[in-house]
């Protein structure tokens, strides 16, 4: 004889309904959790293993500009070629060069710092007329600037920060421009073939302001570089000493 207990039909249906409700509750909870997990994964992005950089790690930046020392190079020639002050170049590479800045070895890699003050030309040049030499060819009775003999078309750069005061194509200076420097001095670039800036333009050390030429009262292609305390002719000071104060050796 069977001992299994049989529920009445109504109670059996009730028990089945309760069991089905429990199963649906479990399934609904799992589906909701899965959807929330997927949304969370979408919101936070891919796993860090697929990220281009590890968490908190910045992308590697470009290497600083540099120069590979060649046979016959000197620190002076490199500084002049790269348009940076000699002392700044040495300080930036003291750990590579050592205690004696005259001891360079071919193959050494030097970091070239950003220029603050630079030479007016980066090409090879000769000083064809120094500041202060006497002569009847100049109204002042002496040469008011320094002449750097370079071919026509040689890039000319602002030696430091300032603002273009004026440009002109008239007179003995030919195409020329005057820059009021941040320190209050005025720098004249004369006999230019062309100018690339206009009055009011801001310039920095290394800004290309034009090309050298042979315009005006000139006996050959060169850059006339002049430094003044004011805007007028006759307020000149020694341009070589002025640049030396900023670490630039002509």
C-alpha atoms as a PDB file:
ATOM      1  CA  UNK A   1       0.000   0.000   0.000  1.00  0.00           C
ATOM      2  CA  UNK A   2       1.383   3.417  -0.953  1.00  0.00           C
ATOM      3  CA  UNK A   3       2.300   5.886   1.817  1.00  0.00           C
ATOM      4  CA  UNK A   4       2.733   8.957  -0.513  1.00  0.00           C
ATOM      5  CA  UNK A   5       0.647  11.894   0.561  1.00  0.00           C
ATOM      6  CA  UNK A   6      -1.539  13.388  -2.149  1.00  0.00           C
ATOM      7  CA  UNK A   7      -2.415  17.067  -2.012  1.00  0.00           C
ATOM      8  CA  UNK A   8      -5.812  18.290  -2.951  1.00  0.00           C
ATOM      9  CA  UNK A   9      -5.967  19.757  -6.501  1.00  0.00           C
ATOM     10  CA  UNK A  10      -6.240  23.368  -5.294  1.00  0.00           C
ATOM     11  CA  UNK A  11      -3.234  23.090  -2.953  1.00  0.00           C
ATOM     12  CA  UNK A  12      -1.214  21.281  -5.662  1.00  0.00           C
ATOM     13  CA  UNK A  13      -1.768  24.145  -8.090  1.00  0.00           C
ATOM     14  CA  UNK A  14      -0.804  26.642  -5.406  1.00  0.00           C
ATOM     15  CA  UNK A  15       2.482  24.829  -4.664  1.00  0.00           C
ATOM     16  CA  UNK A  16       3.382  24.669  -8.362  1.00  0.00           C
ATOM     17  CA  UNK A  17       2.695  28.377  -8.747  1.00  0.00           C
ATOM     18  CA  UNK A  18       4.910  29.199  -5.769  1.00  0.00           C
ATOM     19  CA  UNK A  19       7.736  27.053  -7.162  1.00  0.00           C
ATOM     20  CA  UNK A  20       7.479  28.684 -10.612  1.00  0.00           C
ATOM     21  CA  UNK A  21       7.504  32.160  -9.057  1.00  0.00           C
ATOM     22  CA  UNK A  22      10.687  31.297  -7.152  1.00  0.00           C
ATOM     23  CA  UNK A  23      12.376  30.038 -10.314  1.00  0.00           C
ATOM     24  CA  UNK A  24      11.354  33.187 -12.227  1.00  0.00           C
ATOM     25  CA  UNK A  25      12.679  35.386  -9.425  1.00  0.00           C
ATOM     26  CA  UNK A  26      16.044  33.643  -9.564  1.00  0.00           C
ATOM     27  CA  UNK A  27      16.219  33.903 -13.358  1.00  0.00           C
ATOM     28  CA  UNK A  28      15.185  37.562 -13.344  1.00  0.00           C
ATOM     29  CA  UNK A  29      17.832  38.426 -10.749  1.00  0.00           C
ATOM     30  CA  UNK A  30      20.566  36.709 -12.734  1.00  0.00           C
ATOM     31  CA  UNK A  31      19.531  38.487 -15.934  1.00  0.00           C
ATOM     32  CA  UNK A  32      19.480  41.871 -14.183  1.00  0.00           C
ATOM     33  CA  UNK A  33      22.917  41.292 -12.669  1.00  0.00           C
ATOM     34  CA  UNK A  34      24.309  40.266 -16.024  1.00  0.00           C
ATOM     35  CA  UNK A  35      22.897  43.348 -17.730  1.00  0.00           C
ATOM     36  CA  UNK A  36      24.295  45.587 -14.990  1.00  0.00           C
ATOM     37  CA  UNK A  37      27.695  43.938 -15.352  1.00  0.00           C
ATOM     38  CA  UNK A  38      27.674  44.457 -19.113  1.00  0.00           C
ATOM     39  CA  UNK A  39      26.672  48.108 -18.700  1.00  0.00           C
ATOM     40  CA  UNK A  40      29.429  48.579 -16.152  1.00  0.00           C
ATOM     41  CA  UNK A  41      32.005  47.054 -18.510  1.00  0.00           C
ATOM     42  CA  UNK A  42      30.820  49.309 -21.324  1.00  0.00           C
ATOM     43  CA  UNK A  43      30.945  52.412 -19.154  1.00  0.00           C
ATOM     44  CA  UNK A  44      34.423  51.777 -17.797  1.00  0.00           C
ATOM     45  CA  UNK A  45      35.954  50.759 -21.124  1.00  0.00           C
ATOM     46  CA  UNK A  46      38.097  47.750 -22.007  1.00  0.00           C
ATOM     47  CA  UNK A  47      40.259  45.962 -19.451  1.00  0.00           C
ATOM     48  CA  UNK A  48      43.505  47.745 -18.595  1.00  0.00           C
ATOM     49  CA  UNK A  49      45.418  44.985 -20.355  1.00  0.00           C
ATOM     50  CA  UNK A  50      44.099  46.360 -23.649  1.00  0.00           C
ATOM     51  CA  UNK A  51      44.721  50.016 -22.820  1.00  0.00           C
ATOM     52  CA  UNK A  52      47.515  51.692 -24.816  1.00  0.00           C
ATOM     53  CA  UNK A  53      49.237  52.839 -21.616  1.00  0.00           C
ATOM     54  CA  UNK A  54      49.343  51.446 -18.113  1.00  0.00           C
ATOM     55  CA  UNK A  55      47.146  53.228 -15.577  1.00  0.00           C
ATOM     56  CA  UNK A  56      48.708  56.521 -14.544  1.00  0.00           C
ATOM     57  CA  UNK A  57      51.437  56.321 -17.177  1.00  0.00           C
ATOM     58  CA  UNK A  58      51.682  59.232 -19.650  1.00  0.00           C
ATOM     59  CA  UNK A  59      52.539  58.564 -23.294  1.00  0.00           C
ATOM     60  CA  UNK A  60      56.221  58.913 -24.040  1.00  0.00           C
ATOM     61  CA  UNK A  61      57.008  62.363 -25.473  1.00  0.00           C
ATOM     62  CA  UNK A  62      59.373  63.112 -28.349  1.00  0.00           C
ATOM     63  CA  UNK A  63      63.051  63.094 -27.607  1.00  0.00           C
ATOM     64  CA  UNK A  64      64.647  66.534 -27.162  1.00  0.00           C
ATOM     65  CA  UNK A  65      66.557  67.926 -30.135  1.00  0.00           C
ATOM     66  CA  UNK A  66      70.173  66.939 -30.117  1.00  0.00           C
ATOM     67  CA  UNK A  67      73.469  66.886 -31.946  1.00  0.00           C
ATOM     68  CA  UNK A  68      75.904  64.031 -32.585  1.00  0.00           C
ATOM     69  CA  UNK A  69      79.491  65.223 -32.134  1.00  0.00           C
ATOM     70  CA  UNK A  70      81.575  64.840 -35.277  1.00  0.00           C
ATOM     71  CA  UNK A  71      85.360  64.865 -35.736  1.00  0.00           C
ATOM     72  CA  UNK A  72      86.702  68.409 -35.505  1.00  0.00           C
ATOM     73  CA  UNK A  73      83.682  69.797 -33.641  1.00  0.00           C
ATOM     74  CA  UNK A  74      84.151  72.128 -30.697  1.00  0.00           C
ATOM     75  CA  UNK A  75      81.545  73.167 -28.191  1.00  0.00           C
ATOM     76  CA  UNK A  76      81.864  76.705 -29.535  1.00  0.00           C
ATOM     77  CA  UNK A  77      81.224  75.640 -33.149  1.00  0.00           C
ATOM     78  CA  UNK A  78      78.245  73.503 -32.107  1.00  0.00           C
ATOM     79  CA  UNK A  79      76.733  76.331 -30.043  1.00  0.00           C
ATOM     80  CA  UNK A  80      77.152  78.704 -32.957  1.00  0.00           C
ATOM     81  CA  UNK A  81      75.694  76.231 -35.437  1.00  0.00           C
ATOM     82  CA  UNK A  82      72.693  75.370 -33.250  1.00  0.00           C
ATOM     83  CA  UNK A  83      72.077  78.993 -32.245  1.00  0.00           C
ATOM     84  CA  UNK A  84      72.213  78.546 -28.466  1.00  0.00           C
ATOM     85  CA  UNK A  85      74.391  80.232 -25.827  1.00  0.00           C
ATOM     86  CA  UNK A  86      77.669  78.407 -25.242  1.00  0.00           C
ATOM     87  CA  UNK A  87      77.263  78.241 -21.460  1.00  0.00           C
ATOM     88  CA  UNK A  88      73.707  76.912 -21.700  1.00  0.00           C
ATOM     89  CA  UNK A  89      74.823  74.178 -24.087  1.00  0.00           C
ATOM     90  CA  UNK A  90      77.609  73.152 -21.716  1.00  0.00           C
ATOM     91  CA  UNK A  91      75.407  73.181 -18.610  1.00  0.00           C
ATOM     92  CA  UNK A  92      72.826  71.010 -20.354  1.00  0.00           C
ATOM     93  CA  UNK A  93      75.510  68.437 -21.235  1.00  0.00           C
ATOM     94  CA  UNK A  94      77.970  68.664 -18.342  1.00  0.00           C
ATOM     95  CA  UNK A  95      77.307  65.045 -17.350  1.00  0.00           C
ATOM     96  CA  UNK A  96      78.207  63.900 -20.878  1.00  0.00           C
ATOM     97  CA  UNK A  97      81.129  66.240 -21.595  1.00  0.00           C
ATOM     98  CA  UNK A  98      82.746  66.230 -18.178  1.00  0.00           C
ATOM     99  CA  UNK A  99      84.606  68.938 -16.296  1.00  0.00           C
ATOM    100  CA  UNK A 100      86.502  70.222 -19.342  1.00  0.00           C
ATOM    101  CA  UNK A 101      84.202  71.677 -22.036  1.00  0.00           C
ATOM    102  CA  UNK A 102      87.067  71.491 -24.551  1.00  0.00           C
ATOM    103  CA  UNK A 103      87.188  67.690 -24.429  1.00  0.00           C
ATOM    104  CA  UNK A 104      84.574  66.471 -26.874  1.00  0.00           C
ATOM    105  CA  UNK A 105      84.633  62.975 -28.337  1.00  0.00           C
ATOM    106  CA  UNK A 106      83.144  62.032 -31.723  1.00  0.00           C
ATOM    107  CA  UNK A 107      79.922  60.113 -31.279  1.00  0.00           C
ATOM    108  CA  UNK A 108      78.796  61.892 -28.121  1.00  0.00           C
ATOM    109  CA  UNK A 109      75.143  62.915 -28.220  1.00  0.00           C
ATOM    110  CA  UNK A 110      74.469  66.399 -26.893  1.00  0.00           C
ATOM    111  CA  UNK A 111      71.073  67.689 -25.861  1.00  0.00           C
ATOM    112  CA  UNK A 112      70.400  71.078 -27.452  1.00  0.00           C
ATOM    113  CA  UNK A 113      68.340  73.320 -25.142  1.00  0.00           C
ATOM    114  CA  UNK A 114      65.628  75.559 -26.476  1.00  0.00           C
ATOM    115  CA  UNK A 115      67.168  78.820 -27.625  1.00  0.00           C
ATOM    116  CA  UNK A 116      66.534  81.888 -25.534  1.00  0.00           C
ATOM    117  CA  UNK A 117      69.037  84.136 -27.301  1.00  0.00           C
ATOM    118  CA  UNK A 118      70.628  83.199 -30.598  1.00  0.00           C
ATOM    119  CA  UNK A 119      73.058  84.558 -33.170  1.00  0.00           C
ATOM    120  CA  UNK A 120      71.425  86.626 -35.957  1.00  0.00           C
ATOM    121  CA  UNK A 121      72.529  84.040 -38.539  1.00  0.00           C
ATOM    122  CA  UNK A 122      73.210  80.337 -38.106  1.00  0.00           C
ATOM    123  CA  UNK A 123      75.198  79.959 -41.351  1.00  0.00           C
ATOM    124  CA  UNK A 124      78.959  80.344 -41.582  1.00  0.00           C
ATOM    125  CA  UNK A 125      79.974  83.990 -41.826  1.00  0.00           C
ATOM    126  CA  UNK A 126      82.915  86.348 -41.706  1.00  0.00           C
ATOM    127  CA  UNK A 127      82.959  89.687 -39.917  1.00  0.00           C
ATOM    128  CA  UNK A 128      83.674  92.065 -42.782  1.00  0.00           C
ATOM    129  CA  UNK A 129      83.437  95.280 -40.741  1.00  0.00           C
ATOM    130  CA  UNK A 130      83.651  95.531 -36.962  1.00  0.00           C
ATOM    131  CA  UNK A 131      81.887  98.001 -34.728  1.00  0.00           C
ATOM    132  CA  UNK A 132      83.589 101.348 -34.194  1.00  0.00           C
ATOM    133  CA  UNK A 133      86.145 101.267 -37.005  1.00  0.00           C
ATOM    134  CA  UNK A 134      86.639 104.844 -38.359  1.00  0.00           C
ATOM    135  CA  UNK A 135      85.784 105.809 -41.921  1.00  0.00           C
ATOM    136  CA  UNK A 136      84.482 108.668 -44.026  1.00  0.00           C
ATOM    137  CA  UNK A 137      81.878 106.409 -45.606  1.00  0.00           C
ATOM    138  CA  UNK A 138      79.700 106.548 -42.500  1.00  0.00           C
ATOM    139  CA  UNK A 139      77.817 109.659 -41.371  1.00  0.00           C
ATOM    140  CA  UNK A 140      78.839 109.059 -37.756  1.00  0.00           C
ATOM    141  CA  UNK A 141      82.506 108.861 -38.813  1.00  0.00           C
ATOM    142  CA  UNK A 142      82.704 105.245 -37.671  1.00  0.00           C
ATOM    143  CA  UNK A 143      80.870 101.972 -38.243  1.00  0.00           C
ATOM    144  CA  UNK A 144      77.791 101.839 -36.028  1.00  0.00           C
ATOM    145  CA  UNK A 145      77.235  98.084 -36.234  1.00  0.00           C
ATOM    146  CA  UNK A 146      78.921  94.830 -37.134  1.00  0.00           C
ATOM    147  CA  UNK A 147      78.768  93.398 -40.660  1.00  0.00           C
ATOM    148  CA  UNK A 148      78.379  89.641 -41.115  1.00  0.00           C
ATOM    149  CA  UNK A 149      79.283  88.611 -44.660  1.00  0.00           C
ATOM    150  CA  UNK A 150      76.825  85.934 -45.823  1.00  0.00           C
ATOM    151  CA  UNK A 151      75.294  85.104 -49.217  1.00  0.00           C
ATOM    152  CA  UNK A 152      72.044  86.749 -50.260  1.00  0.00           C
ATOM    153  CA  UNK A 153      69.091  84.697 -49.036  1.00  0.00           C
ATOM    154  CA  UNK A 154      70.710  83.553 -45.781  1.00  0.00           C
ATOM    155  CA  UNK A 155      68.030  83.302 -43.060  1.00  0.00           C
ATOM    156  CA  UNK A 156      68.188  86.083 -40.454  1.00  0.00           C
ATOM    157  CA  UNK A 157      66.816  85.514 -36.944  1.00  0.00           C
ATOM    158  CA  UNK A 158      65.731  87.697 -34.078  1.00  0.00           C
ATOM    159  CA  UNK A 159      68.456  87.416 -31.449  1.00  0.00           C
ATOM    160  CA  UNK A 160      66.003  87.524 -28.556  1.00  0.00           C
ATOM    161  CA  UNK A 161      62.464  88.383 -27.435  1.00  0.00           C
ATOM    162  CA  UNK A 162      60.919  91.654 -28.492  1.00  0.00           C
ATOM    163  CA  UNK A 163      58.494  93.429 -30.810  1.00  0.00           C
ATOM    164  CA  UNK A 164      59.030  94.721 -34.329  1.00  0.00           C
ATOM    165  CA  UNK A 165      59.100  98.511 -34.034  1.00  0.00           C
ATOM    166  CA  UNK A 166      59.255  99.369 -37.740  1.00  0.00           C
ATOM    167  CA  UNK A 167      60.271  98.174 -41.198  1.00  0.00           C
ATOM    168  CA  UNK A 168      61.456 100.222 -44.190  1.00  0.00           C
ATOM    169  CA  UNK A 169      62.851  99.915 -47.695  1.00  0.00           C
ATOM    170  CA  UNK A 170      64.328 103.427 -47.881  1.00  0.00           C
ATOM    171  CA  UNK A 171      67.737 105.009 -47.266  1.00  0.00           C
ATOM    172  CA  UNK A 172      71.278 103.684 -47.063  1.00  0.00           C
ATOM    173  CA  UNK A 173      70.150 100.661 -45.028  1.00  0.00           C
ATOM    174  CA  UNK A 174      67.978  99.360 -47.887  1.00  0.00           C
ATOM    175  CA  UNK A 175      65.440  96.832 -46.659  1.00  0.00           C
ATOM    176  CA  UNK A 176      65.728  96.973 -42.892  1.00  0.00           C
ATOM    177  CA  UNK A 177      63.772  96.535 -39.708  1.00  0.00           C
ATOM    178  CA  UNK A 178      64.070  97.646 -36.099  1.00  0.00           C
ATOM    179  CA  UNK A 179      63.091  95.450 -33.150  1.00  0.00           C
ATOM    180  CA  UNK A 180      62.483  96.795 -29.655  1.00  0.00           C
ATOM    181  CA  UNK A 181      63.907  94.139 -27.365  1.00  0.00           C
ATOM    182  CA  UNK A 182      62.337  93.064 -24.075  1.00  0.00           C
ATOM    183  CA  UNK A 183      65.249  94.707 -22.244  1.00  0.00           C
ATOM    184  CA  UNK A 184      64.506  98.089 -23.861  1.00  0.00           C
ATOM    185  CA  UNK A 185      67.309  98.078 -26.450  1.00  0.00           C
ATOM    186  CA  UNK A 186      66.673  98.373 -30.180  1.00  0.00           C
ATOM    187  CA  UNK A 187      68.213  96.012 -32.725  1.00  0.00           C
ATOM    188  CA  UNK A 188      68.574  96.951 -36.396  1.00  0.00           C
ATOM    189  CA  UNK A 189      68.874  94.391 -39.209  1.00  0.00           C
ATOM    190  CA  UNK A 190      69.861  96.085 -42.477  1.00  0.00           C
ATOM    191  CA  UNK A 191      70.548  95.437 -46.195  1.00  0.00           C
ATOM    192  CA  UNK A 192      68.010  92.596 -46.170  1.00  0.00           C
ATOM    193  CA  UNK A 193      66.843  90.929 -49.350  1.00  0.00           C
ATOM    194  CA  UNK A 194      63.375  90.475 -47.836  1.00  0.00           C
ATOM    195  CA  UNK A 195      61.530  90.756 -44.514  1.00  0.00           C
ATOM    196  CA  UNK A 196      59.102  88.234 -43.045  1.00  0.00           C
ATOM    197  CA  UNK A 197      57.644  90.347 -40.215  1.00  0.00           C
ATOM    198  CA  UNK A 198      55.716  93.597 -39.850  1.00  0.00           C
ATOM    199  CA  UNK A 199      55.519  96.355 -37.264  1.00  0.00           C
ATOM    200  CA  UNK A 200      53.818  95.124 -34.124  1.00  0.00           C
ATOM    201  CA  UNK A 201      54.783  91.461 -34.569  1.00  0.00           C
ATOM    202  CA  UNK A 202      56.098  89.680 -31.502  1.00  0.00           C
ATOM    203  CA  UNK A 203      59.357  87.786 -31.990  1.00  0.00           C
ATOM    204  CA  UNK A 204      61.428  85.413 -29.889  1.00  0.00           C
ATOM    205  CA  UNK A 205      65.021  84.296 -30.057  1.00  0.00           C
ATOM    206  CA  UNK A 206      65.220  82.228 -33.220  1.00  0.00           C
ATOM    207  CA  UNK A 207      62.200  83.763 -35.003  1.00  0.00           C
ATOM    208  CA  UNK A 208      63.052  84.104 -38.681  1.00  0.00           C
ATOM    209  CA  UNK A 209      62.560  87.771 -39.542  1.00  0.00           C
ATOM    210  CA  UNK A 210      63.896  87.822 -43.115  1.00  0.00           C
ATOM    211  CA  UNK A 211      66.768  86.988 -45.455  1.00  0.00           C
ATOM    212  CA  UNK A 212      70.111  88.733 -45.820  1.00  0.00           C
ATOM    213  CA  UNK A 213      70.795  90.683 -48.991  1.00  0.00           C
ATOM    214  CA  UNK A 214      72.661  93.492 -50.702  1.00  0.00           C
ATOM    215  CA  UNK A 215      70.126  96.347 -50.719  1.00  0.00           C
ATOM    216  CA  UNK A 216      70.759 100.028 -50.016  1.00  0.00           C
ATOM    217  CA  UNK A 217      74.285 101.436 -49.746  1.00  0.00           C
ATOM    218  CA  UNK A 218      76.107  98.106 -49.690  1.00  0.00           C
ATOM    219  CA  UNK A 219      79.330  96.910 -51.301  1.00  0.00           C
ATOM    220  CA  UNK A 220      78.426  93.206 -51.128  1.00  0.00           C
ATOM    221  CA  UNK A 221      75.975  90.712 -49.604  1.00  0.00           C
ATOM    222  CA  UNK A 222      75.991  90.956 -45.817  1.00  0.00           C
ATOM    223  CA  UNK A 223      73.899  91.593 -42.721  1.00  0.00           C
ATOM    224  CA  UNK A 224      74.443  94.877 -40.913  1.00  0.00           C
ATOM    225  CA  UNK A 225      73.602  94.167 -37.255  1.00  0.00           C
ATOM    226  CA  UNK A 226      73.287  97.203 -34.996  1.00  0.00           C
ATOM    227  CA  UNK A 227      72.180  97.735 -31.386  1.00  0.00           C
ATOM    228  CA  UNK A 228      70.867 101.055 -30.089  1.00  0.00           C
ATOM    229  CA  UNK A 229      69.647 102.546 -26.822  1.00  0.00           C
ATOM    230  CA  UNK A 230      66.911 104.391 -28.751  1.00  0.00           C
ATOM    231  CA  UNK A 231      65.330 104.481 -32.173  1.00  0.00           C
ATOM    232  CA  UNK A 232      67.551 107.209 -33.641  1.00  0.00           C
ATOM    233  CA  UNK A 233      70.803 106.892 -35.552  1.00  0.00           C
ATOM    234  CA  UNK A 234      73.743 107.745 -33.291  1.00  0.00           C
ATOM    235  CA  UNK A 235      72.440 105.940 -30.187  1.00  0.00           C
ATOM    236  CA  UNK A 236      74.434 102.825 -31.040  1.00  0.00           C
ATOM    237  CA  UNK A 237      76.310 100.615 -28.580  1.00  0.00           C
ATOM    238  CA  UNK A 238      78.741  97.759 -29.204  1.00  0.00           C
ATOM    239  CA  UNK A 239      76.594  94.920 -30.652  1.00  0.00           C
ATOM    240  CA  UNK A 240      79.209  92.248 -29.951  1.00  0.00           C
ATOM    241  CA  UNK A 241      79.320  93.156 -26.259  1.00  0.00           C
ATOM    242  CA  UNK A 242      75.526  93.279 -26.160  1.00  0.00           C
ATOM    243  CA  UNK A 243      75.188  89.730 -27.481  1.00  0.00           C
ATOM    244  CA  UNK A 244      77.990  88.534 -25.189  1.00  0.00           C
ATOM    245  CA  UNK A 245      75.926  89.688 -22.215  1.00  0.00           C
ATOM    246  CA  UNK A 246      73.294  87.183 -23.340  1.00  0.00           C
ATOM    247  CA  UNK A 247      75.763  84.362 -23.933  1.00  0.00           C
ATOM    248  CA  UNK A 248      76.095  84.760 -27.715  1.00  0.00           C
ATOM    249  CA  UNK A 249      79.615  85.058 -29.119  1.00  0.00           C
ATOM    250  CA  UNK A 250      80.109  86.550 -32.580  1.00  0.00           C
END
